[in-house]
Protein backbone atom coordinates (compact mmCIF):
# COMPACT_ATOMS: atom_id res chain seq x y z
CA MET A 1 0.00 0.00 0.00
CA ALA A 2 1.11 3.58 -0.53
CA SER A 3 2.15 5.41 2.64
CA GLY A 4 2.96 9.09 2.16
CA LEU A 5 5.99 9.29 -0.10
CA TRP A 6 6.77 5.62 0.33
CA ILE A 7 5.29 2.40 -0.96
CA VAL A 8 5.59 -0.58 1.37
CA ASP A 9 6.00 -4.17 0.17
CA GLN A 10 5.35 -6.70 2.94
CA HIS A 11 7.43 -9.72 2.00
CA THR A 12 6.52 -11.57 5.20
CA GLU A 13 5.32 -10.62 8.67
CA HIS A 14 8.98 -10.16 9.61
CA LEU A 15 10.28 -8.35 6.51
CA TYR A 16 9.06 -5.16 4.82
CA PHE A 17 10.64 -3.30 1.91
CA TYR A 18 10.15 0.47 1.53
CA TYR A 19 10.42 2.33 -1.77
CA ARG A 20 10.52 6.12 -2.03
CA VAL A 21 7.90 7.45 -4.48
CA ASP A 22 8.04 10.81 -6.24
CA SER A 23 4.89 10.39 -8.37
CA VAL A 24 1.97 7.99 -8.74
CA LEU A 25 1.13 7.09 -12.33
CA TYR A 26 -1.78 4.80 -11.50
CA THR A 27 -3.37 3.19 -8.50
CA GLY A 28 -6.50 1.06 -8.61
CA GLN A 29 -8.12 -2.35 -8.58
CA THR A 30 -8.72 -4.51 -11.63
CA ALA A 31 -11.06 -7.48 -11.58
CA TYR A 32 -8.17 -9.65 -10.36
CA GLN A 33 -5.63 -7.61 -8.40
CA ARG A 34 -4.57 -4.27 -7.02
CA VAL A 35 -2.26 -2.35 -9.35
CA ASP A 36 0.13 0.45 -8.41
CA ILE A 37 2.40 2.01 -11.01
CA VAL A 38 4.69 4.62 -9.50
CA HIS A 39 7.86 6.52 -10.30
CA THR A 40 10.74 6.34 -7.84
CA PRO A 41 13.95 8.38 -7.72
CA LEU A 42 16.21 5.31 -7.74
CA LEU A 43 14.39 2.68 -9.81
CA GLY A 44 12.41 4.79 -12.28
CA LYS A 45 8.95 3.43 -12.98
CA VAL A 46 7.91 0.47 -10.81
CA LEU A 47 4.95 -1.93 -11.05
CA PHE A 48 3.40 -3.38 -7.89
CA LEU A 49 0.66 -6.02 -7.90
CA ASP A 50 -1.28 -6.72 -4.71
CA GLY A 51 1.31 -4.69 -2.82
CA ARG A 52 4.32 -6.70 -4.07
CA ILE A 53 6.97 -5.38 -6.43
CA GLN A 54 6.88 -7.00 -9.86
CA SER A 55 9.22 -5.01 -12.07
CA ALA A 56 11.35 -1.87 -12.02
CA GLU A 57 12.49 0.17 -15.01
CA ARG A 58 16.17 0.27 -14.06
CA ASP A 59 16.73 -3.48 -13.63
CA GLU A 60 13.80 -5.31 -15.26
CA PHE A 61 16.25 -6.51 -17.91
CA ILE A 62 17.96 -8.75 -15.33
CA TYR A 63 14.76 -10.57 -14.43
CA HIS A 64 13.41 -10.87 -17.97
CA GLU A 65 16.67 -11.93 -19.57
CA ALA A 66 17.23 -14.52 -16.83
CA LEU A 67 13.72 -15.88 -17.24
CA THR A 68 13.91 -16.33 -21.01
CA HIS A 69 17.37 -16.67 -22.53
CA PRO A 70 18.84 -19.65 -20.64
CA ALA A 71 15.93 -21.80 -21.80
CA LEU A 72 15.68 -20.32 -25.30
CA LEU A 73 19.39 -20.85 -25.94
CA THR A 74 19.29 -24.36 -24.51
CA HIS A 75 16.86 -25.24 -27.30
CA PRO A 76 18.61 -25.38 -30.71
CA ASN A 77 15.62 -24.08 -32.65
CA PRO A 78 12.67 -22.76 -30.62
CA GLN A 79 9.82 -21.89 -32.96
CA ARG A 80 6.59 -21.78 -30.93
CA VAL A 81 6.49 -20.25 -27.46
CA LEU A 82 3.70 -19.84 -24.91
CA ILE A 83 4.02 -17.20 -22.18
CA MET A 84 1.73 -17.47 -19.17
CA GLY A 85 1.34 -14.09 -17.48
CA GLY A 86 3.90 -11.45 -18.37
CA GLY A 87 1.52 -8.51 -18.39
CA GLU A 88 4.25 -5.85 -18.78
CA GLY A 89 5.23 -7.34 -22.14
CA ALA A 90 8.95 -7.59 -21.38
CA THR A 91 8.99 -11.40 -21.41
CA LEU A 92 7.34 -11.34 -24.82
CA ARG A 93 9.88 -8.71 -25.90
CA GLU A 94 12.79 -10.99 -24.99
CA VAL A 95 11.25 -14.08 -26.61
CA LEU A 96 10.77 -12.21 -29.88
CA ARG A 97 14.46 -11.29 -29.98
CA HIS A 98 15.06 -14.86 -31.15
CA PRO A 99 14.43 -14.93 -34.93
CA SER A 100 13.75 -18.67 -34.87
CA VAL A 101 10.56 -17.97 -32.89
CA GLU A 102 7.80 -17.97 -35.48
CA HIS A 103 4.88 -17.57 -33.10
CA ALA A 104 4.70 -16.39 -29.49
CA VAL A 105 1.43 -16.49 -27.57
CA MET A 106 1.04 -14.50 -24.37
CA VAL A 107 -1.89 -15.46 -22.14
CA ASP A 108 -2.77 -13.16 -19.25
CA ILE A 109 -5.90 -13.27 -17.16
CA ASP A 110 -5.96 -9.51 -16.57
CA GLN A 111 -6.67 -7.55 -19.75
CA GLU A 112 -6.99 -4.30 -17.83
CA LEU A 113 -3.49 -4.74 -16.41
CA VAL A 114 -2.01 -5.43 -19.85
CA GLU A 115 -3.70 -2.32 -21.25
CA LEU A 116 -2.34 -0.24 -18.35
CA CYS A 117 1.16 -1.58 -18.99
CA GLU A 118 0.86 -0.91 -22.70
CA ARG A 119 -0.07 2.69 -21.98
CA LEU A 120 2.15 3.48 -19.00
CA LEU A 121 5.14 1.14 -19.34
CA PRO A 122 6.27 1.38 -22.99
CA GLU A 123 9.88 0.97 -21.83
CA TRP A 124 9.03 -2.66 -21.00
CA HIS A 125 7.05 -3.89 -24.00
CA GLN A 126 8.66 -1.66 -26.67
CA GLY A 127 5.69 -2.22 -28.95
CA CYS A 128 5.90 -6.03 -28.92
CA PHE A 129 2.16 -6.49 -28.26
CA HIS A 130 1.61 -5.58 -31.91
CA HIS A 131 4.51 -7.57 -33.33
CA PRO A 132 3.45 -9.75 -36.31
CA ARG A 133 4.82 -12.89 -34.60
CA ALA A 134 2.95 -12.18 -31.36
CA GLN A 135 -0.55 -13.16 -30.26
CA LEU A 136 -2.32 -11.94 -27.12
CA SER A 137 -4.99 -13.99 -25.41
CA TYR A 138 -6.90 -13.01 -22.28
CA GLY A 139 -8.06 -15.64 -19.84
CA ASP A 140 -6.95 -18.27 -17.37
CA ALA A 141 -3.64 -19.85 -18.41
CA ARG A 142 -4.63 -23.26 -17.10
CA ALA A 143 -7.79 -23.32 -19.18
CA PHE A 144 -5.77 -22.16 -22.20
CA VAL A 145 -3.20 -24.95 -21.79
CA GLU A 146 -5.88 -27.59 -21.20
CA ALA A 147 -7.59 -26.54 -24.44
CA SER A 148 -4.35 -26.47 -26.44
CA PRO A 149 -3.36 -29.34 -28.74
CA GLU A 150 -0.63 -31.65 -27.56
CA ALA A 151 2.96 -31.04 -28.69
CA ALA A 152 2.10 -27.42 -29.54
CA TYR A 153 5.06 -25.51 -28.04
CA ASP A 154 8.84 -25.74 -27.95
CA LEU A 155 8.96 -23.57 -24.83
CA ILE A 156 6.42 -22.56 -22.21
CA VAL A 157 7.34 -19.64 -19.94
CA SER A 158 5.63 -19.11 -16.58
CA ASP A 159 5.89 -15.40 -15.76
CA LEU A 160 3.11 -15.59 -13.21
CA THR A 161 2.72 -13.83 -9.91
CA GLU A 162 3.57 -15.88 -6.86
CA PRO A 163 0.68 -17.97 -5.51
CA LEU A 164 -0.60 -15.42 -3.03
CA GLU A 165 -3.63 -16.27 -0.91
CA GLY A 166 -6.68 -15.27 -2.92
CA GLY A 167 -4.55 -14.45 -5.97
CA PRO A 168 -5.16 -15.59 -9.56
CA SER A 169 -2.20 -17.97 -9.93
CA VAL A 170 -2.53 -20.43 -7.04
CA MET A 171 -3.65 -23.36 -9.23
CA LEU A 172 -0.96 -22.80 -11.87
CA PHE A 173 1.84 -24.49 -9.92
CA THR A 174 0.37 -27.93 -9.27
CA VAL A 175 1.55 -31.34 -10.43
CA GLU A 176 -1.75 -31.93 -12.23
CA PHE A 177 -1.32 -28.75 -14.24
CA TYR A 178 2.30 -29.56 -15.04
CA GLN A 179 1.32 -33.01 -16.29
CA ARG A 180 -1.01 -31.37 -18.80
CA LEU A 181 1.58 -28.73 -19.64
CA PHE A 182 4.09 -31.54 -20.33
CA ARG A 183 1.80 -32.85 -23.04
CA SER A 184 1.55 -29.38 -24.59
CA LEU A 185 5.30 -29.37 -25.19
CA THR A 186 6.98 -30.87 -28.24
CA PRO A 187 9.16 -33.98 -27.65
CA ASP A 188 12.19 -31.72 -27.10
CA GLY A 189 10.31 -28.92 -25.36
CA LEU A 190 11.23 -26.98 -22.22
CA PHE A 191 9.36 -25.18 -19.46
CA VAL A 192 10.77 -22.32 -17.40
CA ALA A 193 9.23 -20.46 -14.46
CA GLN A 194 10.04 -17.67 -12.07
CA ALA A 195 10.20 -19.38 -8.70
CA GLY A 196 10.30 -16.74 -5.99
CA SER A 197 13.00 -15.76 -3.55
CA ALA A 198 16.22 -17.76 -3.27
CA ASP A 199 17.34 -16.35 0.08
CA PRO A 200 18.20 -18.53 3.10
CA PHE A 201 15.00 -17.57 4.95
CA TYR A 202 12.11 -18.31 2.58
CA PRO A 203 13.19 -20.95 0.02
CA ASP A 204 10.11 -23.17 0.43
CA PHE A 205 8.40 -22.06 -2.78
CA VAL A 206 11.32 -22.78 -5.10
CA ALA A 207 12.04 -26.02 -3.23
CA SER A 208 8.44 -27.16 -3.63
CA LEU A 209 8.30 -26.11 -7.26
CA ASN A 210 11.49 -28.04 -7.93
CA ARG A 211 10.09 -31.11 -6.16
CA THR A 212 6.81 -30.91 -8.09
CA LEU A 213 8.43 -30.55 -11.51
CA GLN A 214 10.69 -33.53 -10.78
CA GLU A 215 7.53 -35.65 -10.67
CA VAL A 216 6.83 -34.73 -14.30
CA PHE A 217 10.07 -33.93 -16.16
CA PRO A 218 13.28 -35.99 -16.49
CA ILE A 219 15.50 -32.88 -16.29
CA VAL A 220 14.90 -30.10 -13.75
CA ARG A 221 17.42 -27.35 -12.97
CA VAL A 222 17.18 -24.41 -10.58
CA PHE A 223 19.10 -21.24 -11.34
CA TRP A 224 19.12 -17.72 -9.99
CA ALA A 225 19.91 -14.04 -10.37
CA PHE A 226 20.09 -11.19 -7.90
CA ILE A 227 17.40 -8.58 -8.65
CA PRO A 228 18.40 -5.28 -6.99
CA SER A 229 14.89 -3.82 -6.95
CA PHE A 230 13.57 -6.98 -5.26
CA GLN A 231 16.40 -6.70 -2.69
CA LEU A 232 16.68 -10.49 -2.92
CA PRO A 233 18.31 -13.27 -4.92
CA TRP A 234 15.59 -14.63 -7.19
CA ALA A 235 15.06 -18.23 -8.28
CA PHE A 236 14.03 -19.68 -11.61
CA VAL A 237 13.49 -23.30 -12.57
CA VAL A 238 13.77 -24.89 -16.00
CA ALA A 239 12.31 -28.32 -16.74
CA SER A 240 13.07 -30.19 -19.94
CA LYS A 241 12.07 -33.30 -21.81
CA ARG A 242 15.40 -33.66 -23.60
CA TYR A 243 17.88 -30.78 -23.43
CA ASP A 244 19.89 -30.13 -20.27
CA PRO A 245 20.86 -26.46 -19.95
CA LEU A 246 24.11 -27.54 -18.28
CA ALA A 247 25.02 -29.90 -21.14
CA VAL A 248 25.22 -27.17 -23.80
CA SER A 249 28.85 -26.14 -24.23
CA PRO A 250 29.90 -22.48 -23.93
CA GLU A 251 31.03 -22.66 -27.55
CA GLU A 252 27.60 -23.79 -28.72
CA LEU A 253 25.87 -21.17 -26.58
CA ARG A 254 28.06 -18.44 -28.06
CA ALA A 255 27.38 -19.73 -31.57
CA ARG A 256 23.61 -19.69 -31.00
CA TYR A 257 23.79 -16.25 -29.39
CA GLN A 258 25.70 -14.83 -32.35
CA GLU A 259 23.59 -16.62 -34.95
CA ARG A 260 20.43 -15.15 -33.42
CA GLN A 261 22.10 -11.70 -33.29
CA LEU A 262 21.15 -11.18 -29.68
CA SER A 263 22.10 -8.16 -27.62
CA THR A 264 21.66 -8.51 -23.87
CA ARG A 265 22.70 -6.56 -20.80
CA TYR A 266 22.65 -9.35 -18.19
CA TYR A 267 22.63 -12.78 -19.79
CA SER A 268 25.66 -14.08 -21.67
CA ALA A 269 27.00 -17.43 -22.83
CA ARG A 270 29.81 -16.99 -20.31
CA LEU A 271 27.37 -16.37 -17.45
CA HIS A 272 25.00 -19.21 -18.42
CA ALA A 273 26.56 -22.03 -16.38
CA ALA A 274 27.27 -19.73 -13.43
CA MET A 275 23.56 -19.00 -13.09
CA PHE A 276 23.05 -22.68 -12.25
CA ALA A 277 25.78 -22.75 -9.57
CA LEU A 278 23.86 -22.80 -6.28
CA PRO A 279 25.16 -22.11 -2.76
CA PRO A 280 25.03 -25.01 -0.30
CA TYR A 281 22.14 -23.51 1.69
CA LEU A 282 19.95 -23.50 -1.41
CA GLU A 283 21.01 -27.00 -2.47
CA GLU A 284 20.10 -28.16 1.03
CA ALA A 285 16.70 -26.46 0.85
CA LEU A 286 15.97 -28.06 -2.52
CA SER A 287 16.74 -31.51 -1.18
CA GLU A 288 15.07 -31.21 2.23
CA ARG A 289 12.29 -28.60 2.21
CA GLY A 290 10.34 -29.16 -0.97
CA THR A 291 6.84 -30.64 -0.83
CA LEU A 292 4.64 -31.82 -3.67
CA ILE A 293 2.21 -29.13 -4.85
CA SER A 294 -1.12 -30.53 -6.02
CA ASP A 295 -4.65 -29.41 -6.73
CA HIS A 296 -5.58 -30.76 -3.31
CA SER A 297 -2.54 -29.31 -1.54
CA ALA A 298 -1.70 -26.02 -3.26
CA PHE A 299 1.20 -23.84 -2.23
CA VAL A 300 0.02 -20.47 -0.92
CA TRP A 301 2.44 -17.67 -0.05
CA ARG A 302 1.21 -15.79 2.99
CA ALA A 303 2.92 -12.53 3.86
């Protein structure tokens, strides 16, 4: 919630983050979530959903490049991509940088949010909503996947909000959903998801997501990046039917990067393997703290 010249993000009952605000661009409630778009002296424009920071102008490239490029470059020829969530448009922007991608579908439940981002956050989407290789669809991502034909996508990206109590994404992290998502991927397809904080205090979400995906996919890898505006190390998880992101040589990654004429500010072929190097505390959490997420036992993040 906004508080004077500050906006307060309650991460948990024990941890709050404060952001100085110099102007409010939008504040209101859509059919699905509270939206605050503000300008801050340090981070530029910032998007908050349900009181939690989602993306900041000055460092959004770290999050969005980390979410997309390790998986896209692991695949030798990604052509069809599905993005679940991603309302700011920056995930779609990064996917479309790969010329092999012939068709990218972005499904977001909140059309009003996407329209706000298109109008107020052009620095994020850079016009990609109207790209000829892009398609927007509004609705529940689970219903969209369940209605999709099998073997439809080379990559599925989960850029969803964390499963907050009462939020729209709680049922999009379950083993039942991932089993159906598995069938929507081509035989060499990959899935990648943002997986919440990777700090020593609250690793249960990434650990449970890792445990759940291991029930479905033969290859599951957790990786991370530090996101300054989040004030936390942030986890991602990639699950694959065939290609292991750690089995692609640096030489091959560089060749694919150059062939696709990419230009990135955070991700690089040199950094790729380092993103998958985890500290012992996180390896321990992944092995000991993860629980299976199911339709009957959903994971809910409670601040």
